[in-house]
C-alpha atoms as a PDB file:
ATOM      1  CA  UNK A   1      12.087 -18.934  17.247  1.00  0.00           C
ATOM      2  CA  UNK A   2      13.895 -16.312  15.199  1.00  0.00           C
ATOM      3  CA  UNK A   3      16.200 -17.671  12.516  1.00  0.00           C
ATOM      4  CA  UNK A   4      18.766 -16.653   9.870  1.00  0.00           C
ATOM      5  CA  UNK A   5      18.351 -17.699   6.240  1.00  0.00           C
ATOM      6  CA  UNK A   6      20.277 -17.144   3.026  1.00  0.00           C
ATOM      7  CA  UNK A   7      21.293 -18.205  -0.467  1.00  0.00           C
ATOM      8  CA  UNK A   8      24.861 -19.411  -0.983  1.00  0.00           C
ATOM      9  CA  UNK A   9      26.539 -19.622  -4.422  1.00  0.00           C
ATOM     10  CA  UNK A  10      28.541 -22.839  -3.985  1.00  0.00           C
ATOM     11  CA  UNK A  11      30.498 -22.344  -7.220  1.00  0.00           C
ATOM     12  CA  UNK A  12      31.937 -19.036  -5.986  1.00  0.00           C
ATOM     13  CA  UNK A  13      31.600 -19.675  -2.251  1.00  0.00           C
ATOM     14  CA  UNK A  14      29.754 -16.366  -1.852  1.00  0.00           C
ATOM     15  CA  UNK A  15      26.541 -15.399  -0.072  1.00  0.00           C
ATOM     16  CA  UNK A  16      24.022 -13.930  -2.534  1.00  0.00           C
ATOM     17  CA  UNK A  17      21.407 -13.090   0.073  1.00  0.00           C
ATOM     18  CA  UNK A  18      21.086 -13.156   3.872  1.00  0.00           C
ATOM     19  CA  UNK A  19      18.017 -12.413   5.947  1.00  0.00           C
ATOM     20  CA  UNK A  20      16.616 -12.660   9.451  1.00  0.00           C
ATOM     21  CA  UNK A  21      13.113 -13.725  10.462  1.00  0.00           C
ATOM     22  CA  UNK A  22      12.630 -12.246  13.929  1.00  0.00           C
ATOM     23  CA  UNK A  23       9.055 -13.426  14.476  1.00  0.00           C
ATOM     24  CA  UNK A  24       7.990 -16.520  12.491  1.00  0.00           C
ATOM     25  CA  UNK A  25       4.552 -16.464  14.185  1.00  0.00           C
ATOM     26  CA  UNK A  26       3.546 -12.991  13.002  1.00  0.00           C
ATOM     27  CA  UNK A  27       4.604  -9.890  11.117  1.00  0.00           C
ATOM     28  CA  UNK A  28       6.527  -7.147  12.817  1.00  0.00           C
ATOM     29  CA  UNK A  29       8.065  -3.842  11.920  1.00  0.00           C
ATOM     30  CA  UNK A  30      11.731  -3.410  11.005  1.00  0.00           C
ATOM     31  CA  UNK A  31      12.386  -2.549  14.664  1.00  0.00           C
ATOM     32  CA  UNK A  32      11.141  -5.980  15.760  1.00  0.00           C
ATOM     33  CA  UNK A  33       7.984  -4.538  17.347  1.00  0.00           C
ATOM     34  CA  UNK A  34       4.425  -5.575  16.406  1.00  0.00           C
ATOM     35  CA  UNK A  35       2.864  -3.516  13.590  1.00  0.00           C
ATOM     36  CA  UNK A  36       0.946  -0.979  15.665  1.00  0.00           C
ATOM     37  CA  UNK A  37      -0.339   1.033  12.696  1.00  0.00           C
ATOM     38  CA  UNK A  38      -1.155   0.574   9.037  1.00  0.00           C
ATOM     39  CA  UNK A  39       1.982   0.036   6.936  1.00  0.00           C
ATOM     40  CA  UNK A  40       3.337   2.544   4.448  1.00  0.00           C
ATOM     41  CA  UNK A  41       2.217   1.944   0.872  1.00  0.00           C
ATOM     42  CA  UNK A  42       4.243   2.665  -2.260  1.00  0.00           C
ATOM     43  CA  UNK A  43       3.400   2.610  -5.964  1.00  0.00           C
ATOM     44  CA  UNK A  44       5.825   1.987  -8.831  1.00  0.00           C
ATOM     45  CA  UNK A  45       5.437   1.959 -12.600  1.00  0.00           C
ATOM     46  CA  UNK A  46       5.531  -1.743 -13.403  1.00  0.00           C
ATOM     47  CA  UNK A  47       6.434  -1.182 -17.095  1.00  0.00           C
ATOM     48  CA  UNK A  48       9.494   0.961 -16.410  1.00  0.00           C
ATOM     49  CA  UNK A  49      13.011  -0.237 -15.739  1.00  0.00           C
ATOM     50  CA  UNK A  50      13.107   2.314 -12.930  1.00  0.00           C
ATOM     51  CA  UNK A  51      12.079   0.809  -9.608  1.00  0.00           C
ATOM     52  CA  UNK A  52      11.489   4.189  -7.916  1.00  0.00           C
ATOM     53  CA  UNK A  53       8.736   3.755  -5.350  1.00  0.00           C
ATOM     54  CA  UNK A  54       6.263   6.607  -4.847  1.00  0.00           C
ATOM     55  CA  UNK A  55       5.009   6.979  -1.235  1.00  0.00           C
ATOM     56  CA  UNK A  56       1.212   7.194  -0.990  1.00  0.00           C
ATOM     57  CA  UNK A  57      -0.421   9.350   1.695  1.00  0.00           C
ATOM     58  CA  UNK A  58      -2.118   7.385   4.477  1.00  0.00           C
ATOM     59  CA  UNK A  59      -5.721   8.432   5.173  1.00  0.00           C
ATOM     60  CA  UNK A  60      -8.293   6.784   7.439  1.00  0.00           C
ATOM     61  CA  UNK A  61      -7.523   3.468   9.061  1.00  0.00           C
ATOM     62  CA  UNK A  62      -8.703   0.989  11.654  1.00  0.00           C
ATOM     63  CA  UNK A  63      -5.888  -1.169  13.000  1.00  0.00           C
ATOM     64  CA  UNK A  64      -5.727  -4.018  15.522  1.00  0.00           C
ATOM     65  CA  UNK A  65      -2.684  -5.938  16.747  1.00  0.00           C
ATOM     66  CA  UNK A  66      -1.569  -8.235  19.508  1.00  0.00           C
ATOM     67  CA  UNK A  67       1.049  -6.989  21.928  1.00  0.00           C
ATOM     68  CA  UNK A  68       2.161  -8.752  25.097  1.00  0.00           C
ATOM     69  CA  UNK A  69      -0.745 -11.199  24.766  1.00  0.00           C
ATOM     70  CA  UNK A  70      -3.398  -8.435  24.624  1.00  0.00           C
ATOM     71  CA  UNK A  71      -5.296  -6.999  21.701  1.00  0.00           C
ATOM     72  CA  UNK A  72      -4.680  -3.335  20.963  1.00  0.00           C
ATOM     73  CA  UNK A  73      -6.509  -1.111  18.498  1.00  0.00           C
ATOM     74  CA  UNK A  74      -6.504   2.338  16.959  1.00  0.00           C
ATOM     75  CA  UNK A  75      -8.818   4.289  14.676  1.00  0.00           C
ATOM     76  CA  UNK A  76      -7.308   7.192  12.728  1.00  0.00           C
ATOM     77  CA  UNK A  77      -9.426   9.680  10.833  1.00  0.00           C
ATOM     78  CA  UNK A  78      -7.991  11.521   7.857  1.00  0.00           C
ATOM     79  CA  UNK A  79      -9.679  13.657   5.243  1.00  0.00           C
ATOM     80  CA  UNK A  80     -12.032  12.640   2.451  1.00  0.00           C
ATOM     81  CA  UNK A  81      -9.954  12.049  -0.715  1.00  0.00           C
ATOM     82  CA  UNK A  82     -11.683  14.965  -2.473  1.00  0.00           C
ATOM     83  CA  UNK A  83     -10.642  17.337   0.335  1.00  0.00           C
ATOM     84  CA  UNK A  84      -6.979  17.004  -0.667  1.00  0.00           C
ATOM     85  CA  UNK A  85      -5.202  20.317  -1.324  1.00  0.00           C
ATOM     86  CA  UNK A  86      -4.072  19.969  -4.952  1.00  0.00           C
ATOM     87  CA  UNK A  87      -1.580  22.832  -4.600  1.00  0.00           C
ATOM     88  CA  UNK A  88       0.271  21.022  -1.802  1.00  0.00           C
ATOM     89  CA  UNK A  89      -0.159  17.454  -3.073  1.00  0.00           C
ATOM     90  CA  UNK A  90       2.791  15.829  -4.818  1.00  0.00           C
ATOM     91  CA  UNK A  91       1.303  13.991  -7.800  1.00  0.00           C
ATOM     92  CA  UNK A  92       2.342  10.583  -9.048  1.00  0.00           C
ATOM     93  CA  UNK A  93       3.496  11.264 -12.624  1.00  0.00           C
ATOM     94  CA  UNK A  94       2.390   8.467 -14.923  1.00  0.00           C
ATOM     95  CA  UNK A  95       4.111   7.932 -18.291  1.00  0.00           C
ATOM     96  CA  UNK A  96       2.049   7.658 -21.483  1.00  0.00           C
ATOM     97  CA  UNK A  97       3.030   4.353 -23.030  1.00  0.00           C
ATOM     98  CA  UNK A  98       1.807   4.312 -26.651  1.00  0.00           C
ATOM     99  CA  UNK A  99      -1.165   6.426 -25.561  1.00  0.00           C
ATOM    100  CA  UNK A 100      -2.340   3.762 -23.092  1.00  0.00           C
ATOM    101  CA  UNK A 101      -5.328   4.979 -21.111  1.00  0.00           C
ATOM    102  CA  UNK A 102      -4.178   3.205 -17.950  1.00  0.00           C
ATOM    103  CA  UNK A 103      -0.764   2.395 -16.504  1.00  0.00           C
ATOM    104  CA  UNK A 104      -0.250  -0.769 -14.438  1.00  0.00           C
ATOM    105  CA  UNK A 105       1.376   0.121 -11.116  1.00  0.00           C
ATOM    106  CA  UNK A 106       2.825  -2.301  -8.615  1.00  0.00           C
ATOM    107  CA  UNK A 107       1.796  -1.915  -4.986  1.00  0.00           C
ATOM    108  CA  UNK A 108       4.473  -2.370  -2.332  1.00  0.00           C
ATOM    109  CA  UNK A 109       4.002  -2.581   1.404  1.00  0.00           C
ATOM    110  CA  UNK A 110       5.498  -4.502   4.315  1.00  0.00           C
ATOM    111  CA  UNK A 111       2.684  -7.066   4.210  1.00  0.00           C
ATOM    112  CA  UNK A 112       0.495  -7.286   1.132  1.00  0.00           C
ATOM    113  CA  UNK A 113      -3.215  -6.885   1.837  1.00  0.00           C
ATOM    114  CA  UNK A 114      -5.698  -9.520   0.727  1.00  0.00           C
ATOM    115  CA  UNK A 115      -7.920  -6.970  -1.020  1.00  0.00           C
ATOM    116  CA  UNK A 116      -7.297  -3.590  -2.649  1.00  0.00           C
ATOM    117  CA  UNK A 117     -10.338  -1.463  -3.489  1.00  0.00           C
ATOM    118  CA  UNK A 118      -9.458   1.447  -5.771  1.00  0.00           C
ATOM    119  CA  UNK A 119     -11.884   4.395  -5.907  1.00  0.00           C
ATOM    120  CA  UNK A 120     -11.352   6.952  -8.680  1.00  0.00           C
ATOM    121  CA  UNK A 121     -12.464  10.554  -9.157  1.00  0.00           C
ATOM    122  CA  UNK A 122     -11.531  13.056 -11.859  1.00  0.00           C
ATOM    123  CA  UNK A 123      -9.178  15.693 -10.428  1.00  0.00           C
ATOM    124  CA  UNK A 124     -11.736  18.389 -11.382  1.00  0.00           C
ATOM    125  CA  UNK A 125     -13.946  17.054  -8.557  1.00  0.00           C
ATOM    126  CA  UNK A 126     -11.425  18.105  -5.872  1.00  0.00           C
ATOM    127  CA  UNK A 127     -13.119  20.034  -3.067  1.00  0.00           C
ATOM    128  CA  UNK A 128     -16.588  18.728  -3.974  1.00  0.00           C
ATOM    129  CA  UNK A 129     -17.254  15.845  -1.586  1.00  0.00           C
ATOM    130  CA  UNK A 130     -20.940  15.755  -2.553  1.00  0.00           C
ATOM    131  CA  UNK A 131     -20.117  14.565  -6.096  1.00  0.00           C
ATOM    132  CA  UNK A 132     -21.376  11.339  -7.603  1.00  0.00           C
ATOM    133  CA  UNK A 133     -20.082   7.978  -6.430  1.00  0.00           C
ATOM    134  CA  UNK A 134     -16.554   7.192  -7.618  1.00  0.00           C
ATOM    135  CA  UNK A 135     -15.653   4.492 -10.103  1.00  0.00           C
ATOM    136  CA  UNK A 136     -14.527   1.473  -8.067  1.00  0.00           C
ATOM    137  CA  UNK A 137     -12.357  -1.543  -8.899  1.00  0.00           C
ATOM    138  CA  UNK A 138     -11.600  -4.391  -6.499  1.00  0.00           C
ATOM    139  CA  UNK A 139      -8.338  -6.336  -6.765  1.00  0.00           C
ATOM    140  CA  UNK A 140      -7.951  -9.634  -4.890  1.00  0.00           C
ATOM    141  CA  UNK A 141      -4.561 -11.107  -3.923  1.00  0.00           C
ATOM    142  CA  UNK A 142      -2.585  -8.992  -6.379  1.00  0.00           C
ATOM    143  CA  UNK A 143       0.092  -6.378  -6.132  1.00  0.00           C
ATOM    144  CA  UNK A 144      -0.849  -4.680  -9.413  1.00  0.00           C
ATOM    145  CA  UNK A 145      -3.455  -1.951  -9.987  1.00  0.00           C
ATOM    146  CA  UNK A 146      -4.284   0.214 -13.017  1.00  0.00           C
ATOM    147  CA  UNK A 147      -4.176   4.017 -12.738  1.00  0.00           C
ATOM    148  CA  UNK A 148      -4.972   6.945 -15.072  1.00  0.00           C
ATOM    149  CA  UNK A 149      -3.538  10.460 -15.109  1.00  0.00           C
ATOM    150  CA  UNK A 150      -5.587  13.439 -13.931  1.00  0.00           C
ATOM    151  CA  UNK A 151      -7.292  11.515 -11.155  1.00  0.00           C
ATOM    152  CA  UNK A 152      -7.634  11.370  -7.387  1.00  0.00           C
ATOM    153  CA  UNK A 153      -7.513   7.831  -6.053  1.00  0.00           C
ATOM    154  CA  UNK A 154      -8.389   6.300  -2.731  1.00  0.00           C
ATOM    155  CA  UNK A 155      -6.768   2.881  -2.331  1.00  0.00           C
ATOM    156  CA  UNK A 156      -8.390   0.886   0.465  1.00  0.00           C
ATOM    157  CA  UNK A 157      -6.248  -2.032   1.655  1.00  0.00           C
ATOM    158  CA  UNK A 158      -7.745  -4.808   3.776  1.00  0.00           C
ATOM    159  CA  UNK A 159      -5.962  -7.301   5.996  1.00  0.00           C
ATOM    160  CA  UNK A 160      -8.796  -9.577   7.240  1.00  0.00           C
ATOM    161  CA  UNK A 161      -9.300 -10.587  10.854  1.00  0.00           C
ATOM    162  CA  UNK A 162      -9.077 -14.270   9.953  1.00  0.00           C
ATOM    163  CA  UNK A 163      -5.390 -13.664   9.129  1.00  0.00           C
ATOM    164  CA  UNK A 164      -4.670 -12.340  12.646  1.00  0.00           C
ATOM    165  CA  UNK A 165      -2.799 -15.462  13.719  1.00  0.00           C
ATOM    166  CA  UNK A 166      -0.600 -15.392  10.608  1.00  0.00           C
ATOM    167  CA  UNK A 167       0.268 -11.668  10.635  1.00  0.00           C
ATOM    168  CA  UNK A 168      -0.211 -10.588  14.239  1.00  0.00           C
ATOM    169  CA  UNK A 169      -2.576  -7.800  13.116  1.00  0.00           C
ATOM    170  CA  UNK A 170      -5.662  -7.040  11.036  1.00  0.00           C
ATOM    171  CA  UNK A 171      -7.347  -3.911   9.772  1.00  0.00           C
ATOM    172  CA  UNK A 172      -8.261  -1.623   6.923  1.00  0.00           C
ATOM    173  CA  UNK A 173      -6.402   1.451   5.696  1.00  0.00           C
ATOM    174  CA  UNK A 174      -7.101   3.992   2.995  1.00  0.00           C
ATOM    175  CA  UNK A 175      -4.380   5.763   1.040  1.00  0.00           C
ATOM    176  CA  UNK A 176      -4.838   8.825  -1.190  1.00  0.00           C
ATOM    177  CA  UNK A 177      -2.863   9.676  -4.325  1.00  0.00           C
ATOM    178  CA  UNK A 178      -3.233  12.313  -7.050  1.00  0.00           C
ATOM    179  CA  UNK A 179      -2.026  11.352 -10.516  1.00  0.00           C
ATOM    180  CA  UNK A 180      -1.062  13.290 -13.616  1.00  0.00           C
ATOM    181  CA  UNK A 181       0.287  12.363 -17.023  1.00  0.00           C
ATOM    182  CA  UNK A 182       4.009  12.954 -17.390  1.00  0.00           C
END
């Protein structure tokens, strides 16, 4: 059953936080409907006091969810990360902290994936999909990834099928972001 929850400051008799869980059995969108597509993904500089979230472009995804007792599914095909139009892309501007080579970025999404696979190409490889294999880093159960400026990244998020009962969905989605040093 749906329920209301909150945190009450007894000393001041004031509510600090109130929330609603509409579907305790599975995840749902803000509208109360099942998640029928991959969630939006945002990146933020985890070392900054600014909590500005940068929206990352959704690419390919395979998504499955339960709706009205039946399984539904969709496959969406985007472009290869190296086919991105650099003139139209809005880059994520990374600060240079004491000449650090990488900046830790927090990943935010409605439901955190179990695995994040980050594939990295130098921005000079844009338009050349036949280039060498990208550098690849796999992050398990974490909301923090490391990024460098002057790169094209594909972030592949995985929500495994064995979590279907918990979330009400499963699937894999790729997100593409271009970075530059600020």
